[in-house]
């Protein structure tokens, strides 16, 4: 058979022409000369169809090219690459489409001008407008939080927000927060995420949880509600020392309303209800720990010396282990001296 194009005797591929002539006369890809890419100037997300994505310009451009370019279905093992040069928010790009047909490699290049258009995304529009769906209220059984507690809770909430955002909660942001005499209020844009944060705060610090709702108007003929999540934190914290009956403890962890404690006299661990810690006497936390010099020891006792007054005192060992090192951490509660438990 002879090719009608080149006249050579060769296998006819299609429409009376050989493969070589078919490849020369056929365009396997085509697309627009101009593409518009929408960028949010506040958060640098790109709009793809009706969705805002936190992706690189290269990835967004590949998405746009794949949607706007037509690839001949005869072409297999298709690969699309882009290379661009920027000038004044306009990119001069080259789109390279490659593939294989009947074992022959095909490469086609298309010049494309990509224009960057700015538009504020849905999330940034809400944030700028002070939008919020929930209030997270943190309160304490005491009258108010200390400065250190306020900083700890602020950092904890911000860390939880960042974690959820990185996990894909793009519509979550902190609209505002208030430090009040009675506690802290955080205004959050996503009520589902706010509930998750409230539960994690309760798990980490203990206390009681309550929720309530209030009307926020109508939208699309539906009633809209704002949620309030209240976490009332207990007066005790991890690391605090307290007495319960005639026994002295330190708190090693708090999980919701369960408290894991260590008996200072025996170093035995147990779990008790938070309500049993609350009415007991709480002495304080790690600021009560003092280091004394190890002088000598027997199987059951340590002899310790104060580093400034040189006063010698004896304390009963919580275990029969041998202590090593020069300094021993201790805590004194109601004139009772204990060796601080090793964690």
C-alpha atoms as a PDB file:
ATOM      1  CA  UNK A   1       0.000   0.000   0.000  1.00  0.00           C
ATOM      2  CA  UNK A   2       1.168   3.493  -0.841  1.00  0.00           C
ATOM      3  CA  UNK A   3       0.689   6.524   1.431  1.00  0.00           C
ATOM      4  CA  UNK A   4      -1.474   9.145  -0.287  1.00  0.00           C
ATOM      5  CA  UNK A   5       0.571  11.917   1.322  1.00  0.00           C
ATOM      6  CA  UNK A   6       4.207  10.914   0.800  1.00  0.00           C
ATOM      7  CA  UNK A   7       3.718   8.261  -1.882  1.00  0.00           C
ATOM      8  CA  UNK A   8       5.969   5.800  -0.087  1.00  0.00           C
ATOM      9  CA  UNK A   9       5.082   2.152   0.177  1.00  0.00           C
ATOM     10  CA  UNK A  10       4.390   1.731   3.908  1.00  0.00           C
ATOM     11  CA  UNK A  11       1.708   0.351   6.223  1.00  0.00           C
ATOM     12  CA  UNK A  12      -1.331   2.575   6.157  1.00  0.00           C
ATOM     13  CA  UNK A  13      -2.145   3.859   9.661  1.00  0.00           C
ATOM     14  CA  UNK A  14      -5.374   5.788   9.116  1.00  0.00           C
ATOM     15  CA  UNK A  15      -7.269   7.609   6.349  1.00  0.00           C
ATOM     16  CA  UNK A  16      -4.915   6.360   3.655  1.00  0.00           C
ATOM     17  CA  UNK A  17      -1.744   7.807   5.200  1.00  0.00           C
ATOM     18  CA  UNK A  18       1.208   6.208   6.958  1.00  0.00           C
ATOM     19  CA  UNK A  19       1.986   6.790  10.618  1.00  0.00           C
ATOM     20  CA  UNK A  20       4.710   9.333   9.865  1.00  0.00           C
ATOM     21  CA  UNK A  21       2.431  11.505   7.770  1.00  0.00           C
ATOM     22  CA  UNK A  22      -0.409  11.126  10.263  1.00  0.00           C
ATOM     23  CA  UNK A  23       1.833  12.385  13.064  1.00  0.00           C
ATOM     24  CA  UNK A  24       2.973  15.379  10.972  1.00  0.00           C
ATOM     25  CA  UNK A  25      -0.560  16.448  10.084  1.00  0.00           C
ATOM     26  CA  UNK A  26      -2.282  15.839  13.440  1.00  0.00           C
ATOM     27  CA  UNK A  27      -2.314  18.096  16.489  1.00  0.00           C
ATOM     28  CA  UNK A  28      -2.764  15.983  19.598  1.00  0.00           C
ATOM     29  CA  UNK A  29      -3.353  18.766  22.124  1.00  0.00           C
ATOM     30  CA  UNK A  30      -4.875  22.223  22.108  1.00  0.00           C
ATOM     31  CA  UNK A  31      -5.812  24.836  24.650  1.00  0.00           C
ATOM     32  CA  UNK A  32      -6.354  28.563  25.272  1.00  0.00           C
ATOM     33  CA  UNK A  33      -3.661  31.178  24.790  1.00  0.00           C
ATOM     34  CA  UNK A  34      -4.712  33.005  27.979  1.00  0.00           C
ATOM     35  CA  UNK A  35      -5.538  31.546  31.418  1.00  0.00           C
ATOM     36  CA  UNK A  36      -6.758  33.473  34.471  1.00  0.00           C
ATOM     37  CA  UNK A  37      -5.778  32.254  37.948  1.00  0.00           C
ATOM     38  CA  UNK A  38      -7.547  33.780  40.978  1.00  0.00           C
ATOM     39  CA  UNK A  39      -5.474  34.418  44.124  1.00  0.00           C
ATOM     40  CA  UNK A  40      -6.648  35.574  47.567  1.00  0.00           C
ATOM     41  CA  UNK A  41      -4.274  38.405  48.585  1.00  0.00           C
ATOM     42  CA  UNK A  42      -4.861  37.798  52.309  1.00  0.00           C
ATOM     43  CA  UNK A  43      -4.163  34.077  52.704  1.00  0.00           C
ATOM     44  CA  UNK A  44      -2.548  33.221  49.320  1.00  0.00           C
ATOM     45  CA  UNK A  45      -5.040  30.484  48.477  1.00  0.00           C
ATOM     46  CA  UNK A  46      -5.978  29.876  44.837  1.00  0.00           C
ATOM     47  CA  UNK A  47      -9.475  29.428  43.472  1.00  0.00           C
ATOM     48  CA  UNK A  48     -10.071  26.268  41.509  1.00  0.00           C
ATOM     49  CA  UNK A  49     -13.585  26.052  40.078  1.00  0.00           C
ATOM     50  CA  UNK A  50     -15.661  26.989  43.170  1.00  0.00           C
ATOM     51  CA  UNK A  51     -13.133  25.840  45.769  1.00  0.00           C
ATOM     52  CA  UNK A  52     -10.250  27.707  47.394  1.00  0.00           C
ATOM     53  CA  UNK A  53      -7.118  25.570  47.731  1.00  0.00           C
ATOM     54  CA  UNK A  54      -3.923  26.025  49.743  1.00  0.00           C
ATOM     55  CA  UNK A  55      -1.642  24.835  46.935  1.00  0.00           C
ATOM     56  CA  UNK A  56       1.387  26.108  45.072  1.00  0.00           C
ATOM     57  CA  UNK A  57       1.042  28.147  41.890  1.00  0.00           C
ATOM     58  CA  UNK A  58       2.555  25.286  39.918  1.00  0.00           C
ATOM     59  CA  UNK A  59      -0.031  22.780  41.178  1.00  0.00           C
ATOM     60  CA  UNK A  60      -2.945  25.137  40.550  1.00  0.00           C
ATOM     61  CA  UNK A  61      -1.668  25.893  37.062  1.00  0.00           C
ATOM     62  CA  UNK A  62      -1.467  22.169  36.291  1.00  0.00           C
ATOM     63  CA  UNK A  63      -5.085  21.776  37.404  1.00  0.00           C
ATOM     64  CA  UNK A  64      -6.187  24.670  35.178  1.00  0.00           C
ATOM     65  CA  UNK A  65      -4.215  23.364  32.202  1.00  0.00           C
ATOM     66  CA  UNK A  66      -5.659  19.849  32.524  1.00  0.00           C
ATOM     67  CA  UNK A  67      -9.175  21.299  32.612  1.00  0.00           C
ATOM     68  CA  UNK A  68      -8.730  23.746  29.746  1.00  0.00           C
ATOM     69  CA  UNK A  69      -6.594  21.655  27.374  1.00  0.00           C
ATOM     70  CA  UNK A  70      -7.990  18.943  25.124  1.00  0.00           C
ATOM     71  CA  UNK A  71      -5.809  15.845  24.681  1.00  0.00           C
ATOM     72  CA  UNK A  72      -6.355  13.441  21.799  1.00  0.00           C
ATOM     73  CA  UNK A  73      -7.506  10.110  23.335  1.00  0.00           C
ATOM     74  CA  UNK A  74      -5.142   8.268  20.959  1.00  0.00           C
ATOM     75  CA  UNK A  75      -2.232   9.644  22.983  1.00  0.00           C
ATOM     76  CA  UNK A  76      -1.176   7.390  25.877  1.00  0.00           C
ATOM     77  CA  UNK A  77       1.220   7.881  28.795  1.00  0.00           C
ATOM     78  CA  UNK A  78       0.355  11.581  28.759  1.00  0.00           C
ATOM     79  CA  UNK A  79       2.548  13.987  30.740  1.00  0.00           C
ATOM     80  CA  UNK A  80       1.933  17.748  31.091  1.00  0.00           C
ATOM     81  CA  UNK A  81       4.654  20.134  32.242  1.00  0.00           C
ATOM     82  CA  UNK A  82       4.680  23.904  32.655  1.00  0.00           C
ATOM     83  CA  UNK A  83       7.473  26.444  32.834  1.00  0.00           C
ATOM     84  CA  UNK A  84       6.830  30.128  33.494  1.00  0.00           C
ATOM     85  CA  UNK A  85       8.484  33.525  33.777  1.00  0.00           C
ATOM     86  CA  UNK A  86       6.735  36.226  35.822  1.00  0.00           C
ATOM     87  CA  UNK A  87       6.471  39.929  35.115  1.00  0.00           C
ATOM     88  CA  UNK A  88       3.942  42.267  36.760  1.00  0.00           C
ATOM     89  CA  UNK A  89       1.517  39.503  37.843  1.00  0.00           C
ATOM     90  CA  UNK A  90       1.560  38.056  34.333  1.00  0.00           C
ATOM     91  CA  UNK A  91       3.279  34.755  33.622  1.00  0.00           C
ATOM     92  CA  UNK A  92       4.608  33.851  30.214  1.00  0.00           C
ATOM     93  CA  UNK A  93       4.329  30.086  30.273  1.00  0.00           C
ATOM     94  CA  UNK A  94       5.084  27.155  28.057  1.00  0.00           C
ATOM     95  CA  UNK A  95       2.857  24.117  28.392  1.00  0.00           C
ATOM     96  CA  UNK A  96       4.556  20.943  27.173  1.00  0.00           C
ATOM     97  CA  UNK A  97       2.340  17.949  26.406  1.00  0.00           C
ATOM     98  CA  UNK A  98       4.042  14.629  25.734  1.00  0.00           C
ATOM     99  CA  UNK A  99       2.782  11.115  25.128  1.00  0.00           C
ATOM    100  CA  UNK A 100       3.062   7.992  23.002  1.00  0.00           C
ATOM    101  CA  UNK A 101       1.120   6.739  19.980  1.00  0.00           C
ATOM    102  CA  UNK A 102       1.929   3.409  18.319  1.00  0.00           C
ATOM    103  CA  UNK A 103       5.305   3.422  20.072  1.00  0.00           C
ATOM    104  CA  UNK A 104       6.164   6.901  18.746  1.00  0.00           C
ATOM    105  CA  UNK A 105       6.900   9.682  21.242  1.00  0.00           C
ATOM    106  CA  UNK A 106       4.987  12.916  20.706  1.00  0.00           C
ATOM    107  CA  UNK A 107       5.854  16.311  22.213  1.00  0.00           C
ATOM    108  CA  UNK A 108       3.862  19.507  21.641  1.00  0.00           C
ATOM    109  CA  UNK A 109       4.445  22.948  23.144  1.00  0.00           C
ATOM    110  CA  UNK A 110       1.923  25.735  23.653  1.00  0.00           C
ATOM    111  CA  UNK A 111       2.637  29.342  24.677  1.00  0.00           C
ATOM    112  CA  UNK A 112       0.161  30.441  27.357  1.00  0.00           C
ATOM    113  CA  UNK A 113      -0.196  33.783  29.110  1.00  0.00           C
ATOM    114  CA  UNK A 114      -1.347  33.324  32.719  1.00  0.00           C
ATOM    115  CA  UNK A 115      -2.888  36.337  34.444  1.00  0.00           C
ATOM    116  CA  UNK A 116      -3.173  36.540  38.252  1.00  0.00           C
ATOM    117  CA  UNK A 117      -6.409  38.091  39.437  1.00  0.00           C
ATOM    118  CA  UNK A 118      -6.947  39.050  43.071  1.00  0.00           C
ATOM    119  CA  UNK A 119     -10.160  38.221  44.902  1.00  0.00           C
ATOM    120  CA  UNK A 120     -10.764  37.777  48.628  1.00  0.00           C
ATOM    121  CA  UNK A 121     -11.674  34.175  49.458  1.00  0.00           C
ATOM    122  CA  UNK A 122     -14.751  33.106  51.414  1.00  0.00           C
ATOM    123  CA  UNK A 123     -12.827  32.487  54.646  1.00  0.00           C
ATOM    124  CA  UNK A 124     -10.964  35.807  54.606  1.00  0.00           C
ATOM    125  CA  UNK A 125     -14.218  37.630  53.835  1.00  0.00           C
ATOM    126  CA  UNK A 126     -15.770  36.050  56.908  1.00  0.00           C
ATOM    127  CA  UNK A 127     -12.730  36.785  59.049  1.00  0.00           C
ATOM    128  CA  UNK A 128     -12.668  40.434  57.964  1.00  0.00           C
ATOM    129  CA  UNK A 129     -16.360  40.698  58.824  1.00  0.00           C
ATOM    130  CA  UNK A 130     -15.902  39.332  62.357  1.00  0.00           C
ATOM    131  CA  UNK A 131     -17.786  36.125  61.619  1.00  0.00           C
ATOM    132  CA  UNK A 132     -18.055  33.489  64.354  1.00  0.00           C
ATOM    133  CA  UNK A 133     -20.227  30.459  65.032  1.00  0.00           C
ATOM    134  CA  UNK A 134     -19.226  29.606  68.591  1.00  0.00           C
ATOM    135  CA  UNK A 135     -17.826  31.040  71.804  1.00  0.00           C
ATOM    136  CA  UNK A 136     -15.459  28.936  73.868  1.00  0.00           C
ATOM    137  CA  UNK A 137     -15.646  30.082  77.491  1.00  0.00           C
ATOM    138  CA  UNK A 138     -12.966  29.004  79.953  1.00  0.00           C
ATOM    139  CA  UNK A 139     -13.772  29.597  83.604  1.00  0.00           C
ATOM    140  CA  UNK A 140     -12.261  28.494  86.905  1.00  0.00           C
ATOM    141  CA  UNK A 141     -13.614  27.412  90.267  1.00  0.00           C
ATOM    142  CA  UNK A 142     -11.437  30.160  91.693  1.00  0.00           C
ATOM    143  CA  UNK A 143     -12.298  33.828  91.228  1.00  0.00           C
ATOM    144  CA  UNK A 144      -9.960  34.410  88.301  1.00  0.00           C
ATOM    145  CA  UNK A 145      -7.029  32.969  86.371  1.00  0.00           C
ATOM    146  CA  UNK A 146      -3.462  33.960  87.151  1.00  0.00           C
ATOM    147  CA  UNK A 147      -1.343  35.638  84.473  1.00  0.00           C
ATOM    148  CA  UNK A 148       0.538  32.350  83.928  1.00  0.00           C
ATOM    149  CA  UNK A 149      -2.722  30.416  83.561  1.00  0.00           C
ATOM    150  CA  UNK A 150      -4.042  32.937  81.013  1.00  0.00           C
ATOM    151  CA  UNK A 151      -0.878  32.566  78.915  1.00  0.00           C
ATOM    152  CA  UNK A 152      -1.010  28.766  79.158  1.00  0.00           C
ATOM    153  CA  UNK A 153      -4.663  28.591  78.089  1.00  0.00           C
ATOM    154  CA  UNK A 154      -4.179  31.076  75.239  1.00  0.00           C
ATOM    155  CA  UNK A 155      -1.212  29.111  73.917  1.00  0.00           C
ATOM    156  CA  UNK A 156      -3.105  25.829  74.271  1.00  0.00           C
ATOM    157  CA  UNK A 157      -6.154  27.062  72.338  1.00  0.00           C
ATOM    158  CA  UNK A 158      -3.983  28.609  69.602  1.00  0.00           C
ATOM    159  CA  UNK A 159      -2.002  25.359  69.305  1.00  0.00           C
ATOM    160  CA  UNK A 160      -5.220  23.334  68.971  1.00  0.00           C
ATOM    161  CA  UNK A 161      -6.528  25.722  66.301  1.00  0.00           C
ATOM    162  CA  UNK A 162      -3.279  25.417  64.317  1.00  0.00           C
ATOM    163  CA  UNK A 163      -3.436  21.630  64.559  1.00  0.00           C
ATOM    164  CA  UNK A 164      -6.995  21.513  63.189  1.00  0.00           C
ATOM    165  CA  UNK A 165      -6.131  23.975  60.413  1.00  0.00           C
ATOM    166  CA  UNK A 166      -3.184  21.836  59.350  1.00  0.00           C
ATOM    167  CA  UNK A 167      -5.477  18.790  59.407  1.00  0.00           C
ATOM    168  CA  UNK A 168      -7.718  20.435  56.800  1.00  0.00           C
ATOM    169  CA  UNK A 169     -10.084  22.674  58.803  1.00  0.00           C
ATOM    170  CA  UNK A 170      -9.548  25.590  56.413  1.00  0.00           C
ATOM    171  CA  UNK A 171     -12.686  27.453  57.523  1.00  0.00           C
ATOM    172  CA  UNK A 172     -11.538  27.545  61.146  1.00  0.00           C
ATOM    173  CA  UNK A 173     -10.051  30.766  62.487  1.00  0.00           C
ATOM    174  CA  UNK A 174      -9.982  32.729  65.740  1.00  0.00           C
ATOM    175  CA  UNK A 175     -12.121  35.819  65.213  1.00  0.00           C
ATOM    176  CA  UNK A 176     -11.346  37.410  68.577  1.00  0.00           C
ATOM    177  CA  UNK A 177     -10.730  36.647  72.228  1.00  0.00           C
ATOM    178  CA  UNK A 178     -11.395  38.473  75.480  1.00  0.00           C
ATOM    179  CA  UNK A 179      -9.675  38.248  78.850  1.00  0.00           C
ATOM    180  CA  UNK A 180     -12.315  38.953  81.475  1.00  0.00           C
ATOM    181  CA  UNK A 181     -12.257  39.001  85.242  1.00  0.00           C
ATOM    182  CA  UNK A 182     -14.271  35.781  85.265  1.00  0.00           C
ATOM    183  CA  UNK A 183     -12.202  34.010  82.595  1.00  0.00           C
ATOM    184  CA  UNK A 184     -11.423  33.775  78.876  1.00  0.00           C
ATOM    185  CA  UNK A 185     -13.720  33.933  75.837  1.00  0.00           C
ATOM    186  CA  UNK A 186     -12.601  32.714  72.393  1.00  0.00           C
ATOM    187  CA  UNK A 187     -14.764  33.526  69.346  1.00  0.00           C
ATOM    188  CA  UNK A 188     -14.349  30.765  66.747  1.00  0.00           C
ATOM    189  CA  UNK A 189     -15.574  30.540  63.153  1.00  0.00           C
ATOM    190  CA  UNK A 190     -16.482  26.831  63.170  1.00  0.00           C
ATOM    191  CA  UNK A 191     -18.770  25.419  65.854  1.00  0.00           C
ATOM    192  CA  UNK A 192     -17.770  21.809  65.167  1.00  0.00           C
ATOM    193  CA  UNK A 193     -14.090  22.633  65.613  1.00  0.00           C
ATOM    194  CA  UNK A 194     -14.911  24.740  68.670  1.00  0.00           C
ATOM    195  CA  UNK A 195     -16.615  21.726  70.263  1.00  0.00           C
ATOM    196  CA  UNK A 196     -13.555  19.599  69.544  1.00  0.00           C
ATOM    197  CA  UNK A 197     -11.271  22.200  71.127  1.00  0.00           C
ATOM    198  CA  UNK A 198     -13.517  22.471  74.210  1.00  0.00           C
ATOM    199  CA  UNK A 199     -13.422  18.683  74.692  1.00  0.00           C
ATOM    200  CA  UNK A 200      -9.628  18.607  74.329  1.00  0.00           C
ATOM    201  CA  UNK A 201      -9.281  21.404  76.908  1.00  0.00           C
ATOM    202  CA  UNK A 202     -11.452  19.424  79.328  1.00  0.00           C
ATOM    203  CA  UNK A 203      -9.411  16.262  78.703  1.00  0.00           C
ATOM    204  CA  UNK A 204      -6.133  18.093  79.287  1.00  0.00           C
ATOM    205  CA  UNK A 205      -7.062  20.224  82.292  1.00  0.00           C
ATOM    206  CA  UNK A 206     -10.126  18.472  83.733  1.00  0.00           C
ATOM    207  CA  UNK A 207     -13.297  20.196  84.885  1.00  0.00           C
ATOM    208  CA  UNK A 208     -16.924  20.306  83.767  1.00  0.00           C
ATOM    209  CA  UNK A 209     -18.345  20.914  80.300  1.00  0.00           C
ATOM    210  CA  UNK A 210     -21.637  22.543  79.298  1.00  0.00           C
ATOM    211  CA  UNK A 211     -23.056  23.793  76.017  1.00  0.00           C
ATOM    212  CA  UNK A 212     -25.889  26.091  75.019  1.00  0.00           C
ATOM    213  CA  UNK A 213     -27.184  27.794  71.874  1.00  0.00           C
ATOM    214  CA  UNK A 214     -28.584  31.192  70.963  1.00  0.00           C
ATOM    215  CA  UNK A 215     -30.316  32.510  67.853  1.00  0.00           C
ATOM    216  CA  UNK A 216     -28.110  34.332  65.311  1.00  0.00           C
ATOM    217  CA  UNK A 217     -30.824  35.174  62.764  1.00  0.00           C
ATOM    218  CA  UNK A 218     -32.050  33.576  59.559  1.00  0.00           C
ATOM    219  CA  UNK A 219     -30.206  32.372  56.440  1.00  0.00           C
ATOM    220  CA  UNK A 220     -31.837  30.762  53.397  1.00  0.00           C
ATOM    221  CA  UNK A 221     -35.124  30.567  55.340  1.00  0.00           C
ATOM    222  CA  UNK A 222     -33.421  28.614  58.123  1.00  0.00           C
ATOM    223  CA  UNK A 223     -32.793  29.589  61.730  1.00  0.00           C
ATOM    224  CA  UNK A 224     -29.089  30.009  62.485  1.00  0.00           C
ATOM    225  CA  UNK A 225     -27.725  29.307  65.959  1.00  0.00           C
ATOM    226  CA  UNK A 226     -24.483  30.234  67.672  1.00  0.00           C
ATOM    227  CA  UNK A 227     -23.066  27.794  70.195  1.00  0.00           C
ATOM    228  CA  UNK A 228     -21.465  28.542  73.552  1.00  0.00           C
ATOM    229  CA  UNK A 229     -19.150  25.892  74.993  1.00  0.00           C
ATOM    230  CA  UNK A 230     -18.273  26.377  78.648  1.00  0.00           C
ATOM    231  CA  UNK A 231     -15.394  24.547  80.315  1.00  0.00           C
ATOM    232  CA  UNK A 232     -15.161  25.222  84.039  1.00  0.00           C
ATOM    233  CA  UNK A 233     -11.636  24.235  85.015  1.00  0.00           C
ATOM    234  CA  UNK A 234     -10.838  22.808  88.454  1.00  0.00           C
ATOM    235  CA  UNK A 235      -8.609  24.603  90.968  1.00  0.00           C
ATOM    236  CA  UNK A 236      -5.934  21.896  90.675  1.00  0.00           C
ATOM    237  CA  UNK A 237      -3.347  21.294  87.962  1.00  0.00           C
ATOM    238  CA  UNK A 238      -0.803  18.717  86.927  1.00  0.00           C
ATOM    239  CA  UNK A 239       2.128  18.955  89.341  1.00  0.00           C
ATOM    240  CA  UNK A 240       0.093  20.255  92.305  1.00  0.00           C
ATOM    241  CA  UNK A 241       0.524  18.843  95.816  1.00  0.00           C
ATOM    242  CA  UNK A 242      -2.517  18.192  97.999  1.00  0.00           C
ATOM    243  CA  UNK A 243      -3.638  16.236 101.046  1.00  0.00           C
ATOM    244  CA  UNK A 244      -6.650  13.920 101.132  1.00  0.00           C
ATOM    245  CA  UNK A 245      -7.399  12.646 104.586  1.00  0.00           C
ATOM    246  CA  UNK A 246      -4.049  11.880 106.205  1.00  0.00           C
ATOM    247  CA  UNK A 247      -2.269  11.156 102.908  1.00  0.00           C
ATOM    248  CA  UNK A 248      -0.214  13.594 100.818  1.00  0.00           C
ATOM    249  CA  UNK A 249      -0.225  13.351  97.008  1.00  0.00           C
ATOM    250  CA  UNK A 250       1.117  14.951  93.862  1.00  0.00           C
ATOM    251  CA  UNK A 251      -0.895  15.076  90.628  1.00  0.00           C
ATOM    252  CA  UNK A 252       0.890  13.444  87.700  1.00  0.00           C
ATOM    253  CA  UNK A 253      -1.867  13.767  85.074  1.00  0.00           C
ATOM    254  CA  UNK A 254      -5.429  15.021  84.574  1.00  0.00           C
ATOM    255  CA  UNK A 255      -7.906  13.498  82.145  1.00  0.00           C
ATOM    256  CA  UNK A 256     -11.394  14.993  82.168  1.00  0.00           C
ATOM    257  CA  UNK A 257     -12.668  14.320  85.708  1.00  0.00           C
ATOM    258  CA  UNK A 258     -10.128  11.605  86.493  1.00  0.00           C
ATOM    259  CA  UNK A 259      -6.878  12.484  88.275  1.00  0.00           C
ATOM    260  CA  UNK A 260      -3.809  10.243  88.422  1.00  0.00           C
ATOM    261  CA  UNK A 261      -1.899  10.844  91.661  1.00  0.00           C
ATOM    262  CA  UNK A 262       1.168   9.541  93.461  1.00  0.00           C
ATOM    263  CA  UNK A 263       1.306   8.953  97.217  1.00  0.00           C
ATOM    264  CA  UNK A 264       4.355  10.948  98.362  1.00  0.00           C
ATOM    265  CA  UNK A 265       5.108   8.541 101.193  1.00  0.00           C
ATOM    266  CA  UNK A 266       5.029   5.314  99.144  1.00  0.00           C
ATOM    267  CA  UNK A 267       5.228   6.498  95.497  1.00  0.00           C
ATOM    268  CA  UNK A 268       2.222   4.331  94.716  1.00  0.00           C
ATOM    269  CA  UNK A 269       0.042   5.528  91.834  1.00  0.00           C
ATOM    270  CA  UNK A 270      -3.739   5.578  91.844  1.00  0.00           C
ATOM    271  CA  UNK A 271      -6.600   7.254  90.013  1.00  0.00           C
ATOM    272  CA  UNK A 272      -9.187   9.263  91.929  1.00  0.00           C
ATOM    273  CA  UNK A 273     -12.173  11.413  91.033  1.00  0.00           C
ATOM    274  CA  UNK A 274     -11.534  15.105  90.538  1.00  0.00           C
ATOM    275  CA  UNK A 275     -14.339  15.920  92.967  1.00  0.00           C
ATOM    276  CA  UNK A 276     -12.270  14.283  95.718  1.00  0.00           C
ATOM    277  CA  UNK A 277      -9.319  16.581  95.012  1.00  0.00           C
ATOM    278  CA  UNK A 278     -11.397  19.735  94.979  1.00  0.00           C
ATOM    279  CA  UNK A 279     -12.412  19.909  98.677  1.00  0.00           C
ATOM    280  CA  UNK A 280      -8.955  18.836  99.860  1.00  0.00           C
ATOM    281  CA  UNK A 281      -6.142  21.205 100.705  1.00  0.00           C
ATOM    282  CA  UNK A 282      -4.046  22.182  97.685  1.00  0.00           C
ATOM    283  CA  UNK A 283      -0.604  23.462  98.677  1.00  0.00           C
ATOM    284  CA  UNK A 284       0.824  24.524  95.325  1.00  0.00           C
ATOM    285  CA  UNK A 285       2.916  23.130  92.513  1.00  0.00           C
ATOM    286  CA  UNK A 286       6.536  22.676  91.465  1.00  0.00           C
ATOM    287  CA  UNK A 287       7.548  25.932  93.134  1.00  0.00           C
ATOM    288  CA  UNK A 288       7.479  23.996  96.433  1.00  0.00           C
ATOM    289  CA  UNK A 289      10.223  21.578  95.353  1.00  0.00           C
ATOM    290  CA  UNK A 290      13.574  22.086  97.115  1.00  0.00           C
ATOM    291  CA  UNK A 291      16.904  20.343  96.586  1.00  0.00           C
ATOM    292  CA  UNK A 292      18.778  19.046  99.646  1.00  0.00           C
ATOM    293  CA  UNK A 293      22.247  17.551  99.847  1.00  0.00           C
ATOM    294  CA  UNK A 294      22.493  13.793 100.285  1.00  0.00           C
ATOM    295  CA  UNK A 295      24.697  13.036 103.299  1.00  0.00           C
ATOM    296  CA  UNK A 296      24.115   9.329 103.867  1.00  0.00           C
ATOM    297  CA  UNK A 297      21.477   6.628 103.582  1.00  0.00           C
ATOM    298  CA  UNK A 298      20.361   3.367 105.084  1.00  0.00           C
ATOM    299  CA  UNK A 299      17.990   0.789 103.666  1.00  0.00           C
ATOM    300  CA  UNK A 300      14.967   2.769 104.894  1.00  0.00           C
ATOM    301  CA  UNK A 301      16.102   6.394 105.363  1.00  0.00           C
ATOM    302  CA  UNK A 302      18.019   9.250 103.771  1.00  0.00           C
ATOM    303  CA  UNK A 303      20.014  11.808 105.729  1.00  0.00           C
ATOM    304  CA  UNK A 304      19.819  15.204 104.012  1.00  0.00           C
ATOM    305  CA  UNK A 305      21.405  18.607 104.628  1.00  0.00           C
ATOM    306  CA  UNK A 306      20.062  22.059 103.770  1.00  0.00           C
ATOM    307  CA  UNK A 307      22.555  23.753 101.392  1.00  0.00           C
ATOM    308  CA  UNK A 308      22.359  27.125 103.187  1.00  0.00           C
ATOM    309  CA  UNK A 309      21.553  26.437 106.831  1.00  0.00           C
ATOM    310  CA  UNK A 310      23.416  23.086 106.906  1.00  0.00           C
ATOM    311  CA  UNK A 311      20.577  21.704 109.037  1.00  0.00           C
ATOM    312  CA  UNK A 312      20.450  17.904 108.972  1.00  0.00           C
ATOM    313  CA  UNK A 313      17.154  16.055 108.635  1.00  0.00           C
ATOM    314  CA  UNK A 314      16.117  12.491 108.044  1.00  0.00           C
ATOM    315  CA  UNK A 315      13.415  11.327 105.666  1.00  0.00           C
ATOM    316  CA  UNK A 316      11.953   7.884 105.180  1.00  0.00           C
ATOM    317  CA  UNK A 317      12.531   6.291 101.778  1.00  0.00           C
ATOM    318  CA  UNK A 318       9.411   5.627  99.695  1.00  0.00           C
ATOM    319  CA  UNK A 319      11.219   2.588  98.224  1.00  0.00           C
ATOM    320  CA  UNK A 320      14.289   0.547  99.155  1.00  0.00           C
ATOM    321  CA  UNK A 321      16.309   1.722  96.136  1.00  0.00           C
ATOM    322  CA  UNK A 322      19.767   3.242  96.512  1.00  0.00           C
ATOM    323  CA  UNK A 323      19.929   6.961  95.788  1.00  0.00           C
ATOM    324  CA  UNK A 324      22.863   8.325  93.807  1.00  0.00           C
ATOM    325  CA  UNK A 325      23.919  11.897  93.103  1.00  0.00           C
ATOM    326  CA  UNK A 326      24.645  14.818  95.388  1.00  0.00           C
ATOM    327  CA  UNK A 327      21.275  16.628  95.356  1.00  0.00           C
ATOM    328  CA  UNK A 328      17.856  15.164  96.182  1.00  0.00           C
ATOM    329  CA  UNK A 329      14.550  16.826  95.210  1.00  0.00           C
ATOM    330  CA  UNK A 330      12.170  17.138  98.153  1.00  0.00           C
ATOM    331  CA  UNK A 331       8.909  18.819  99.132  1.00  0.00           C
ATOM    332  CA  UNK A 332       7.703  19.834 102.611  1.00  0.00           C
ATOM    333  CA  UNK A 333       3.950  19.858 103.342  1.00  0.00           C
ATOM    334  CA  UNK A 334       2.671  20.688 106.840  1.00  0.00           C
ATOM    335  CA  UNK A 335       6.144  20.002 108.285  1.00  0.00           C
ATOM    336  CA  UNK A 336       6.205  16.586 106.578  1.00  0.00           C
ATOM    337  CA  UNK A 337       9.280  16.087 104.389  1.00  0.00           C
ATOM    338  CA  UNK A 338       8.952  13.867 101.311  1.00  0.00           C
ATOM    339  CA  UNK A 339      11.252  12.857  98.497  1.00  0.00           C
ATOM    340  CA  UNK A 340       9.833  14.129  95.209  1.00  0.00           C
ATOM    341  CA  UNK A 341       8.677  11.186  93.045  1.00  0.00           C
ATOM    342  CA  UNK A 342      10.804  10.420  90.009  1.00  0.00           C
ATOM    343  CA  UNK A 343       8.683  10.608  86.853  1.00  0.00           C
END
